[in-house]
Amino acid sequence: MNEGSPTTTIYVYLLDEGVHVWRPVEASHRGGDQYEIVSLNRDPEDEHWQFASGDIVRCKLQRLSEGERLVAHELVQRSA
């Protein structure tokens, strides 16, 4: 990721929650529909996130309770 590059908010799905839960995270746009997750801003340590910091993910617009949001739906490249 380029230092100082602007970030945008995308939403990452939480696993094992019993209901659909999406958390906002900061990501850097890599081109097209691909974003690199910069920071998960984790609160509770017991949350299981679908993707991790550093992962490059494919995003799409999806309707959430807050309205239409950009959500991570597919892993492109796992962080090293």
N, C-alpha and C. Protein backbone atom coordinates (compact mmCIF):
# COMPACT_ATOMS: atom_id res chain seq x y z
N MET A 1 0.85 -1.19 0.00
CA MET A 1 0.00 0.00 0.00
C MET A 1 0.88 1.23 0.00
N ASN A 2 0.50 2.27 -0.72
CA ASN A 2 1.25 3.51 -0.75
C ASN A 2 0.96 4.33 0.49
N GLU A 3 2.02 4.82 1.13
CA GLU A 3 1.83 5.66 2.30
C GLU A 3 1.08 6.93 1.91
N GLY A 4 0.16 7.34 2.72
CA GLY A 4 -0.58 8.57 2.47
C GLY A 4 -1.72 8.42 1.47
N SER A 5 -1.92 7.23 0.93
CA SER A 5 -3.02 7.05 -0.02
C SER A 5 -4.34 7.11 0.74
N PRO A 6 -5.35 7.70 0.12
CA PRO A 6 -6.63 7.83 0.83
C PRO A 6 -7.27 6.46 1.08
N THR A 7 -8.03 6.39 2.15
CA THR A 7 -8.74 5.16 2.46
C THR A 7 -10.24 5.40 2.35
N THR A 8 -10.95 4.32 2.25
CA THR A 8 -12.41 4.36 2.22
C THR A 8 -12.92 3.30 3.19
N THR A 9 -14.16 3.43 3.57
CA THR A 9 -14.75 2.46 4.48
C THR A 9 -15.43 1.36 3.68
N ILE A 10 -15.06 0.11 4.01
CA ILE A 10 -15.78 -1.05 3.48
C ILE A 10 -16.27 -1.85 4.68
N TYR A 11 -17.13 -2.81 4.44
CA TYR A 11 -17.69 -3.61 5.53
C TYR A 11 -17.25 -5.06 5.41
N VAL A 12 -16.83 -5.65 6.53
CA VAL A 12 -16.38 -7.03 6.59
C VAL A 12 -17.34 -7.82 7.47
N TYR A 13 -17.67 -9.01 7.02
CA TYR A 13 -18.62 -9.89 7.70
C TYR A 13 -17.96 -10.55 8.91
N LEU A 14 -18.71 -10.63 10.00
CA LEU A 14 -18.24 -11.34 11.19
C LEU A 14 -18.82 -12.75 11.17
N LEU A 15 -17.95 -13.73 11.37
CA LEU A 15 -18.35 -15.14 11.36
C LEU A 15 -18.84 -15.55 12.74
N ASP A 16 -19.63 -16.59 12.82
CA ASP A 16 -20.06 -17.21 14.07
C ASP A 16 -20.87 -16.28 14.97
N GLU A 17 -21.69 -15.40 14.39
CA GLU A 17 -22.45 -14.45 15.20
C GLU A 17 -23.90 -14.86 15.41
N GLY A 18 -24.43 -15.79 14.62
CA GLY A 18 -25.83 -16.18 14.77
C GLY A 18 -26.78 -15.30 13.98
N VAL A 19 -26.40 -14.06 13.76
CA VAL A 19 -27.14 -13.13 12.90
C VAL A 19 -26.12 -12.48 11.98
N HIS A 20 -26.60 -11.82 10.92
CA HIS A 20 -25.68 -11.16 10.00
C HIS A 20 -25.13 -9.89 10.64
N VAL A 21 -23.80 -9.84 10.81
CA VAL A 21 -23.15 -8.67 11.40
C VAL A 21 -22.02 -8.24 10.48
N TRP A 22 -22.01 -6.97 10.13
CA TRP A 22 -20.97 -6.38 9.28
C TRP A 22 -20.29 -5.27 10.07
N ARG A 23 -18.96 -5.22 10.01
CA ARG A 23 -18.21 -4.17 10.70
C ARG A 23 -17.50 -3.28 9.69
N PRO A 24 -17.51 -1.97 9.92
CA PRO A 24 -16.77 -1.07 9.03
C PRO A 24 -15.27 -1.17 9.28
N VAL A 25 -14.49 -1.14 8.20
CA VAL A 25 -13.04 -1.15 8.27
C VAL A 25 -12.49 -0.15 7.25
N GLU A 26 -11.26 0.27 7.46
CA GLU A 26 -10.60 1.15 6.51
C GLU A 26 -9.89 0.30 5.46
N ALA A 27 -9.98 0.71 4.20
CA ALA A 27 -9.35 -0.02 3.10
C ALA A 27 -8.83 0.96 2.06
N SER A 28 -7.79 0.53 1.37
CA SER A 28 -7.18 1.31 0.30
C SER A 28 -7.62 0.72 -1.03
N HIS A 29 -8.11 1.58 -1.94
CA HIS A 29 -8.58 1.13 -3.24
C HIS A 29 -7.39 0.70 -4.08
N ARG A 30 -7.43 -0.51 -4.63
CA ARG A 30 -6.33 -1.06 -5.44
C ARG A 30 -6.65 -1.01 -6.93
N GLY A 31 -7.83 -0.59 -7.27
CA GLY A 31 -8.25 -0.54 -8.67
C GLY A 31 -9.43 -1.47 -8.90
N GLY A 32 -10.32 -1.08 -9.79
CA GLY A 32 -11.50 -1.88 -10.07
C GLY A 32 -12.32 -2.08 -8.81
N ASP A 33 -12.64 -3.34 -8.53
CA ASP A 33 -13.44 -3.66 -7.34
C ASP A 33 -12.58 -4.24 -6.21
N GLN A 34 -11.26 -4.01 -6.27
CA GLN A 34 -10.34 -4.58 -5.29
C GLN A 34 -9.87 -3.53 -4.28
N TYR A 35 -9.84 -3.96 -3.00
CA TYR A 35 -9.44 -3.10 -1.89
C TYR A 35 -8.52 -3.87 -0.97
N GLU A 36 -7.53 -3.18 -0.39
CA GLU A 36 -6.67 -3.79 0.61
C GLU A 36 -7.11 -3.30 1.98
N ILE A 37 -7.42 -4.24 2.87
CA ILE A 37 -7.86 -3.88 4.22
C ILE A 37 -6.67 -3.33 4.98
N VAL A 38 -6.82 -2.10 5.46
CA VAL A 38 -5.74 -1.42 6.16
C VAL A 38 -5.84 -1.64 7.66
N SER A 39 -7.04 -1.54 8.20
CA SER A 39 -7.22 -1.65 9.64
C SER A 39 -8.60 -2.21 9.95
N LEU A 40 -8.64 -3.23 10.80
CA LEU A 40 -9.92 -3.81 11.21
C LEU A 40 -10.54 -3.07 12.39
N ASN A 41 -9.74 -2.31 13.13
CA ASN A 41 -10.27 -1.62 14.31
C ASN A 41 -11.03 -2.57 15.21
N ARG A 42 -10.41 -3.68 15.55
CA ARG A 42 -11.06 -4.70 16.38
C ARG A 42 -11.36 -4.16 17.77
N ASP A 43 -12.52 -4.48 18.26
CA ASP A 43 -12.86 -4.17 19.64
C ASP A 43 -12.75 -5.44 20.47
N PRO A 44 -13.79 -6.27 20.50
CA PRO A 44 -13.68 -7.51 21.29
C PRO A 44 -12.75 -8.51 20.61
N GLU A 45 -11.94 -9.17 21.39
CA GLU A 45 -11.00 -10.16 20.86
C GLU A 45 -11.68 -11.45 20.43
N ASP A 46 -12.94 -11.65 20.84
CA ASP A 46 -13.61 -12.90 20.50
C ASP A 46 -14.36 -12.84 19.17
N GLU A 47 -14.24 -11.77 18.41
CA GLU A 47 -14.89 -11.68 17.11
C GLU A 47 -14.04 -12.41 16.07
N HIS A 48 -14.71 -13.12 15.17
CA HIS A 48 -14.04 -13.84 14.09
C HIS A 48 -14.40 -13.16 12.77
N TRP A 49 -13.41 -12.51 12.16
CA TRP A 49 -13.63 -11.74 10.95
C TRP A 49 -13.42 -12.61 9.72
N GLN A 50 -14.21 -12.36 8.67
CA GLN A 50 -14.08 -13.12 7.43
C GLN A 50 -12.74 -12.84 6.74
N PHE A 51 -12.24 -11.62 6.85
CA PHE A 51 -10.97 -11.23 6.23
C PHE A 51 -10.11 -10.51 7.26
N ALA A 52 -8.78 -10.45 7.00
CA ALA A 52 -7.83 -9.88 7.96
C ALA A 52 -7.18 -8.62 7.40
N SER A 53 -6.53 -7.85 8.28
CA SER A 53 -5.76 -6.69 7.85
C SER A 53 -4.70 -7.15 6.85
N GLY A 54 -4.54 -6.39 5.77
CA GLY A 54 -3.57 -6.72 4.74
C GLY A 54 -4.14 -7.55 3.61
N ASP A 55 -5.29 -8.19 3.83
CA ASP A 55 -5.92 -8.97 2.77
C ASP A 55 -6.39 -8.04 1.66
N ILE A 56 -6.30 -8.52 0.43
CA ILE A 56 -6.89 -7.81 -0.71
C ILE A 56 -8.18 -8.54 -1.04
N VAL A 57 -9.27 -7.78 -1.08
CA VAL A 57 -10.60 -8.35 -1.26
C VAL A 57 -11.32 -7.69 -2.42
N ARG A 58 -12.26 -8.43 -2.98
CA ARG A 58 -13.15 -7.89 -4.00
C ARG A 58 -14.40 -7.40 -3.29
N CYS A 59 -14.86 -6.21 -3.64
CA CYS A 59 -16.02 -5.61 -2.97
C CYS A 59 -17.17 -5.39 -3.95
N LYS A 60 -18.37 -5.33 -3.40
CA LYS A 60 -19.56 -5.01 -4.17
C LYS A 60 -20.51 -4.21 -3.29
N LEU A 61 -21.41 -3.48 -3.93
CA LEU A 61 -22.42 -2.75 -3.17
C LEU A 61 -23.49 -3.72 -2.71
N GLN A 62 -23.90 -3.56 -1.46
CA GLN A 62 -24.93 -4.43 -0.88
C GLN A 62 -25.76 -3.60 0.09
N ARG A 63 -27.05 -3.90 0.14
CA ARG A 63 -27.94 -3.19 1.07
C ARG A 63 -27.78 -3.78 2.46
N LEU A 64 -27.38 -2.91 3.40
CA LEU A 64 -27.30 -3.27 4.82
C LEU A 64 -28.34 -2.44 5.56
N SER A 65 -28.46 -2.62 6.85
CA SER A 65 -29.46 -1.87 7.61
C SER A 65 -29.21 -0.37 7.55
N GLU A 66 -27.95 0.05 7.36
CA GLU A 66 -27.60 1.48 7.28
C GLU A 66 -27.79 2.04 5.88
N GLY A 67 -28.16 1.18 4.92
CA GLY A 67 -28.29 1.60 3.53
C GLY A 67 -27.34 0.81 2.66
N GLU A 68 -27.16 1.25 1.43
CA GLU A 68 -26.27 0.54 0.52
C GLU A 68 -24.82 0.84 0.85
N ARG A 69 -24.03 -0.21 1.06
CA ARG A 69 -22.63 -0.07 1.47
C ARG A 69 -21.74 -0.98 0.64
N LEU A 70 -20.46 -0.65 0.60
CA LEU A 70 -19.45 -1.45 -0.08
C LEU A 70 -18.99 -2.54 0.87
N VAL A 71 -19.21 -3.81 0.49
CA VAL A 71 -18.87 -4.93 1.37
C VAL A 71 -17.84 -5.84 0.70
N ALA A 72 -16.95 -6.39 1.52
CA ALA A 72 -15.97 -7.36 1.05
C ALA A 72 -16.67 -8.70 0.88
N HIS A 73 -16.56 -9.31 -0.31
CA HIS A 73 -17.27 -10.58 -0.53
C HIS A 73 -16.38 -11.69 -1.05
N GLU A 74 -15.13 -11.39 -1.45
CA GLU A 74 -14.28 -12.43 -1.98
C GLU A 74 -12.82 -12.10 -1.74
N LEU A 75 -12.05 -13.07 -1.31
CA LEU A 75 -10.61 -12.90 -1.09
C LEU A 75 -9.89 -12.97 -2.44
N VAL A 76 -9.04 -11.97 -2.69
CA VAL A 76 -8.20 -11.96 -3.88
C VAL A 76 -6.81 -12.45 -3.52
N GLN A 77 -6.26 -11.91 -2.42
CA GLN A 77 -4.92 -12.29 -1.96
C GLN A 77 -4.84 -12.16 -0.46
N ARG A 78 -4.40 -13.24 0.20
CA ARG A 78 -4.24 -13.25 1.66
C ARG A 78 -2.97 -12.48 2.01
N SER A 79 -3.01 -11.74 3.12
CA SER A 79 -1.83 -11.00 3.58
C SER A 79 -0.73 -11.98 3.96
N ALA A 80 0.49 -11.53 3.79
CA ALA A 80 1.64 -12.42 4.08
C ALA A 80 1.86 -12.58 5.57
